[in-house]
Amino acid sequence: MRMFVHKIGGLRRILPIDNQSWVKYDLLRTLVRRDLETRYKGSILGNLWPLLNQLSQLLIYTYVFSAVLKVKLTTLKGLPANDFTFGLWLFAGLLPWIAFSGGLMQSSSSVLGQPNLVKKVVFPLALLPLVPVLSTFIESSFGLMVLILFVAVNAHTLHTTLALLPLIWLTQLLLTAGLGYLAAGITVFSRDIPQTLGVILNIWFYATPLVYPASAIPEQWRSLIFWLNPIAAIAEVYRDLVLVGEVKHWGEWGVASVVATIIFCCGFTVYKRLHPAFADVL
């Protein structure tokens, strides 16, 4: 995982960014690397555990929804209609959800878990919620590489739309970080937020067409789900880019990007206004 954390280091020589911002970036990179290294420190499989957890969820949901509940997909371009294709379709939707829900849950307690850093006058508190968001996103990228490999073997091609993945990652990260900032800031003053988030995410998961196709949603509700639920649009765009090779949800992607940007700005503003009182509460 260290490779992912260091990948952007060469940008220092290219981008016109001031030294203070680069110092914060270096600190963030160090915190993310430390977080990734300590999560599974001492375990035999180490950082393979996130991939194994993702694959175990894939197998469970594929069995339940494909074999037991007999959920069927419309034919995907270039892929045979079988249970393996259903698993690929399912995995493409689960990956952004795993990164989103895991990052949000962990970031909600990020300030509470670092009281020593909060009380340091010179420490940039804005970095704390970003660490679990980026760590979980990096972990999910291993599952994405496996998904792309399976699709390439199954469809005998790599879609050029994969080049657009960084754009949907930006939407996903803005959404996760914005809600993470909001949850982290409020959790300092109300410790019920992480538990409340767990309940909300359970409802959100089944209200999003991740383990069932969007065609299963009543038509009068379908467009509302996509326009008001940014993670639904993100999951469908993942499937468009990785499985189909063409973007069928441009409009939903655009709205999700706008919503994610607004949520990020609002979440960061709330966090910034609350953080002067963090040290007093902790």
Protein backbone atom coordinates (compact mmCIF):
# COMPACT_ATOMS: atom_id res chain seq x y z
CA MET A 1 0.00 0.00 0.00
CA ARG A 2 2.98 2.28 0.45
CA MET A 3 3.21 2.57 -3.34
CA PHE A 4 -0.20 4.27 -3.47
CA VAL A 5 0.69 6.74 -0.75
CA HIS A 6 3.95 7.82 -2.42
CA LYS A 7 2.61 7.92 -5.98
CA ILE A 8 1.79 11.63 -6.00
CA GLY A 9 5.15 12.73 -4.56
CA GLY A 10 6.50 13.73 -7.97
CA LEU A 11 3.74 16.31 -8.43
CA ARG A 12 5.65 18.71 -6.15
CA ARG A 13 7.83 19.68 -9.08
CA ILE A 14 4.88 20.24 -11.43
CA LEU A 15 2.00 21.88 -9.58
CA PRO A 16 2.16 25.56 -8.53
CA ILE A 17 1.35 24.96 -4.85
CA ASP A 18 2.87 26.88 -1.94
CA ASN A 19 5.24 25.24 0.52
CA GLN A 20 2.78 25.36 3.43
CA SER A 21 0.27 23.30 1.45
CA TRP A 22 2.95 20.79 0.56
CA VAL A 23 3.89 20.48 4.23
CA LYS A 24 0.27 19.61 5.04
CA TYR A 25 0.19 17.15 2.16
CA ASP A 26 3.37 15.46 3.42
CA LEU A 27 1.87 15.24 6.91
CA LEU A 28 -1.36 13.79 5.51
CA ARG A 29 0.60 11.25 3.47
CA THR A 30 2.55 10.22 6.57
CA LEU A 31 -0.63 9.85 8.64
CA VAL A 32 -2.33 7.75 5.95
CA ARG A 33 0.72 5.51 5.58
CA ARG A 34 0.93 5.05 9.35
CA ASP A 35 -2.79 4.28 9.52
CA LEU A 36 -2.51 1.64 6.78
CA GLU A 37 0.54 0.07 8.39
CA THR A 38 -0.98 -0.16 11.87
CA ARG A 39 -4.43 -1.46 10.89
CA TYR A 40 -3.24 -5.03 10.36
CA LYS A 41 0.15 -4.90 12.07
CA GLY A 42 1.12 -8.29 13.46
CA SER A 43 -1.39 -10.27 11.37
CA ILE A 44 -0.08 -12.97 9.03
CA LEU A 45 -1.95 -11.78 5.94
CA GLY A 46 -1.41 -8.09 6.71
CA ASN A 47 -2.91 -5.72 4.16
CA LEU A 48 -4.47 -8.59 2.21
CA TRP A 49 -7.30 -8.60 4.76
CA PRO A 50 -9.23 -5.71 3.14
CA LEU A 51 -9.27 -7.57 -0.20
CA LEU A 52 -10.35 -10.80 1.49
CA ASN A 53 -13.14 -8.96 3.31
CA GLN A 54 -14.34 -7.45 0.04
CA LEU A 55 -14.28 -10.81 -1.73
CA SER A 56 -16.15 -12.50 1.14
CA GLN A 57 -18.93 -9.90 0.89
CA LEU A 58 -19.01 -10.46 -2.86
CA LEU A 59 -19.44 -14.23 -2.46
CA ILE A 60 -22.17 -13.86 0.16
CA TYR A 61 -24.22 -11.31 -1.77
CA THR A 62 -23.74 -13.16 -5.07
CA TYR A 63 -25.03 -16.38 -3.52
CA VAL A 64 -27.97 -14.75 -1.73
CA PHE A 65 -29.19 -12.51 -4.54
CA SER A 66 -28.25 -14.63 -7.56
CA ALA A 67 -28.67 -18.23 -6.38
CA VAL A 68 -31.30 -17.86 -3.65
CA LEU A 69 -33.40 -14.82 -4.62
CA LYS A 70 -32.85 -15.36 -8.38
CA VAL A 71 -32.15 -11.71 -9.13
CA LYS A 72 -31.55 -11.33 -12.86
CA LEU A 73 -29.69 -8.68 -14.84
CA THR A 74 -30.30 -7.33 -18.26
CA THR A 75 -27.50 -8.37 -20.60
CA LEU A 76 -24.30 -6.38 -20.11
CA LYS A 77 -22.44 -5.37 -23.24
CA GLY A 78 -19.62 -7.82 -24.04
CA LEU A 79 -20.24 -10.05 -21.00
CA PRO A 80 -22.05 -13.41 -20.89
CA ALA A 81 -25.26 -13.63 -18.87
CA ASN A 82 -24.27 -15.90 -15.97
CA ASP A 83 -23.67 -15.85 -12.21
CA PHE A 84 -20.04 -14.79 -12.69
CA THR A 85 -21.13 -11.70 -14.60
CA PHE A 86 -23.66 -10.98 -11.84
CA GLY A 87 -20.78 -11.18 -9.35
CA LEU A 88 -18.74 -8.69 -11.39
CA TRP A 89 -21.73 -6.34 -11.61
CA LEU A 90 -22.29 -6.69 -7.87
CA PHE A 91 -18.63 -6.08 -7.03
CA ALA A 92 -18.51 -2.94 -9.18
CA GLY A 93 -21.33 -1.47 -7.10
CA LEU A 94 -20.07 -2.69 -3.73
CA LEU A 95 -16.55 -1.24 -4.05
CA PRO A 96 -17.54 2.46 -3.89
CA TRP A 97 -20.02 1.65 -1.13
CA ILE A 98 -17.38 -0.17 0.96
CA ALA A 99 -14.99 2.78 0.61
CA PHE A 100 -17.76 5.30 1.33
CA SER A 101 -19.35 3.61 4.35
CA GLY A 102 -16.04 2.49 5.88
CA GLY A 103 -14.43 5.90 5.46
CA LEU A 104 -17.46 7.71 6.85
CA MET A 105 -17.79 5.46 9.90
CA GLN A 106 -14.11 5.69 10.78
CA SER A 107 -13.86 9.43 10.17
CA SER A 108 -16.78 10.08 12.53
CA SER A 109 -14.55 9.03 15.46
CA SER A 110 -11.29 10.40 14.05
CA VAL A 111 -11.18 13.45 16.33
CA LEU A 112 -12.21 11.54 19.46
CA GLY A 113 -9.49 8.98 18.82
CA GLN A 114 -6.68 11.55 18.66
CA PRO A 115 -7.06 13.81 21.73
CA ASN A 116 -3.29 14.36 21.96
CA LEU A 117 -3.13 15.73 18.41
CA VAL A 118 -6.22 17.89 18.96
CA LYS A 119 -4.57 19.63 21.89
CA LYS A 120 -1.46 20.49 19.90
CA VAL A 121 -1.78 24.14 18.88
CA VAL A 122 0.18 23.77 15.63
CA PHE A 123 -1.46 20.57 14.35
CA PRO A 124 -3.79 21.06 11.33
CA LEU A 125 -7.00 19.47 12.61
CA ALA A 126 -8.54 19.50 9.12
CA LEU A 127 -6.40 16.46 8.27
CA LEU A 128 -7.83 14.11 10.89
CA PRO A 129 -11.11 13.12 9.15
CA LEU A 130 -9.30 12.77 5.82
CA VAL A 131 -6.97 10.02 7.06
CA PRO A 132 -9.57 7.21 7.40
CA VAL A 133 -11.35 8.39 4.24
CA LEU A 134 -8.16 8.07 2.16
CA SER A 135 -7.01 4.87 3.90
CA THR A 136 -10.28 3.09 3.19
CA PHE A 137 -10.30 4.37 -0.37
CA ILE A 138 -6.77 3.01 -0.95
CA GLU A 139 -7.82 -0.36 0.49
CA SER A 140 -10.79 -0.52 -1.89
CA SER A 141 -8.49 0.13 -4.85
CA PHE A 142 -7.07 -3.39 -4.50
CA GLY A 143 -10.54 -4.81 -5.03
CA LEU A 144 -10.95 -2.53 -8.04
CA MET A 145 -7.77 -3.91 -9.61
CA VAL A 146 -9.05 -7.46 -9.13
CA LEU A 147 -12.40 -6.46 -10.67
CA ILE A 148 -10.70 -4.93 -13.73
CA LEU A 149 -8.60 -8.08 -14.13
CA PHE A 150 -11.66 -10.35 -13.98
CA VAL A 151 -13.55 -8.17 -16.47
CA ALA A 152 -10.58 -8.20 -18.85
CA VAL A 153 -10.39 -12.01 -18.69
CA ASN A 154 -14.15 -12.45 -19.04
CA ALA A 155 -14.74 -9.87 -21.80
CA HIS A 156 -11.29 -10.21 -23.44
CA THR A 157 -10.88 -6.43 -23.47
CA LEU A 158 -10.08 -3.39 -21.33
CA HIS A 159 -12.48 -0.51 -21.83
CA THR A 160 -11.01 2.90 -22.60
CA THR A 161 -13.55 4.39 -20.18
CA LEU A 162 -11.29 3.22 -17.34
CA ALA A 163 -9.39 6.47 -17.95
CA LEU A 164 -12.39 8.32 -16.50
CA LEU A 165 -12.18 6.54 -13.14
CA PRO A 166 -10.22 9.38 -11.44
CA LEU A 167 -13.14 11.71 -12.14
CA ILE A 168 -15.67 9.49 -10.38
CA TRP A 169 -13.15 8.98 -7.57
CA LEU A 170 -13.13 12.73 -7.05
CA THR A 171 -16.93 12.77 -6.69
CA GLN A 172 -16.77 9.84 -4.29
CA LEU A 173 -14.02 11.39 -2.15
CA LEU A 174 -15.76 14.77 -1.95
CA LEU A 175 -18.97 13.10 -0.78
CA THR A 176 -17.22 10.89 1.78
CA ALA A 177 -14.94 13.63 3.11
CA GLY A 178 -17.78 16.16 3.36
CA LEU A 179 -19.97 13.83 5.41
CA GLY A 180 -16.88 12.72 7.34
CA TYR A 181 -16.07 16.30 8.34
CA LEU A 182 -19.66 16.86 9.43
CA ALA A 183 -19.83 13.62 11.44
CA ALA A 184 -16.39 14.10 13.02
CA GLY A 185 -17.19 17.63 14.16
CA ILE A 186 -20.58 16.81 15.66
CA THR A 187 -19.38 13.57 17.30
CA VAL A 188 -17.09 15.56 19.61
CA PHE A 189 -20.19 17.11 21.18
CA SER A 190 -22.63 14.21 20.71
CA ARG A 191 -21.18 10.71 21.09
CA ASP A 192 -24.30 9.08 19.62
CA ILE A 193 -23.35 10.04 16.06
CA PRO A 194 -21.32 6.88 15.17
CA GLN A 195 -24.14 4.60 16.34
CA THR A 196 -26.70 6.71 14.50
CA LEU A 197 -24.57 6.56 11.37
CA GLY A 198 -24.53 2.76 11.56
CA VAL A 199 -28.34 2.69 11.45
CA ILE A 200 -28.52 5.28 8.66
CA LEU A 201 -25.96 3.43 6.55
CA ASN A 202 -27.87 0.16 6.88
CA ILE A 203 -31.01 1.84 5.55
CA TRP A 204 -29.02 3.72 2.90
CA PHE A 205 -27.44 0.47 1.66
CA TYR A 206 -30.75 -1.20 0.84
CA ALA A 207 -32.23 2.03 -0.49
CA THR A 208 -29.46 2.08 -3.10
CA PRO A 209 -29.44 -0.29 -6.11
CA LEU A 210 -26.19 -2.01 -5.16
CA VAL A 211 -27.22 -5.65 -4.70
CA TYR A 212 -30.26 -5.42 -6.95
CA PRO A 213 -30.62 -3.75 -10.37
CA ALA A 214 -32.20 -0.33 -10.69
CA SER A 215 -34.87 -1.91 -12.89
CA ALA A 216 -36.28 -3.54 -9.74
CA ILE A 217 -37.22 -0.09 -8.38
CA PRO A 218 -40.74 1.09 -9.32
CA GLU A 219 -40.44 3.42 -12.28
CA GLN A 220 -42.03 6.37 -10.49
CA TRP A 221 -39.30 6.19 -7.82
CA ARG A 222 -36.33 5.24 -9.99
CA SER A 223 -35.35 8.69 -11.22
CA LEU A 224 -35.81 10.13 -7.72
CA ILE A 225 -33.41 7.55 -6.26
CA PHE A 226 -30.72 8.44 -8.79
CA TRP A 227 -31.08 12.21 -8.58
CA LEU A 228 -31.25 12.40 -4.76
CA ASN A 229 -28.88 9.55 -3.84
CA PRO A 230 -25.35 10.40 -5.04
CA ILE A 231 -23.92 7.02 -4.06
CA ALA A 232 -26.44 5.33 -6.39
CA ALA A 233 -25.18 7.43 -9.28
CA ILE A 234 -21.55 6.76 -8.32
CA ALA A 235 -22.13 2.98 -8.23
CA GLU A 236 -23.84 3.02 -11.62
CA VAL A 237 -21.03 5.07 -13.17
CA TYR A 238 -18.50 2.57 -11.79
CA ARG A 239 -20.43 -0.14 -13.62
CA ASP A 240 -20.58 1.97 -16.76
CA LEU A 241 -16.83 2.60 -16.77
CA VAL A 242 -15.58 -0.85 -15.77
CA LEU A 243 -18.18 -3.26 -17.17
CA VAL A 244 -20.01 -1.58 -20.03
CA GLY A 245 -17.37 0.67 -21.56
CA GLU A 246 -19.69 3.64 -22.03
CA VAL A 247 -21.25 6.18 -19.67
CA LYS A 248 -25.02 5.86 -19.59
CA HIS A 249 -25.58 8.09 -16.57
CA TRP A 250 -23.94 11.42 -17.46
CA GLY A 251 -26.79 13.46 -15.99
CA GLU A 252 -26.87 11.55 -12.71
CA TRP A 253 -23.07 11.78 -12.49
CA GLY A 254 -23.19 15.54 -12.98
CA VAL A 255 -25.84 15.99 -10.28
CA ALA A 256 -23.94 13.68 -7.91
CA SER A 257 -20.78 15.75 -8.45
CA VAL A 258 -22.61 18.99 -7.65
CA VAL A 259 -24.25 17.46 -4.57
CA ALA A 260 -20.92 16.01 -3.40
CA THR A 261 -19.21 19.40 -3.79
CA ILE A 262 -21.97 21.17 -1.83
CA ILE A 263 -21.82 18.52 0.92
CA PHE A 264 -18.02 18.84 1.11
CA CYS A 265 -18.17 22.64 1.41
CA CYS A 266 -20.91 22.51 4.05
CA GLY A 267 -19.24 19.71 6.03
CA PHE A 268 -15.84 21.40 6.01
CA THR A 269 -17.38 24.75 7.02
CA VAL A 270 -19.20 23.18 9.98
CA TYR A 271 -16.05 21.33 11.04
CA LYS A 272 -13.91 24.47 10.75
CA ARG A 273 -16.33 26.46 12.92
CA LEU A 274 -16.52 23.73 15.56
CA HIS A 275 -12.86 22.75 15.86
CA PRO A 276 -11.75 25.69 18.09
CA ALA A 277 -13.84 24.10 20.87
CA PHE A 278 -12.53 20.54 20.38
CA ALA A 279 -9.68 20.84 22.88
CA ASP A 280 -12.00 22.19 25.60
CA VAL A 281 -14.48 19.30 25.19
CA LEU A 282 -11.84 16.57 24.94
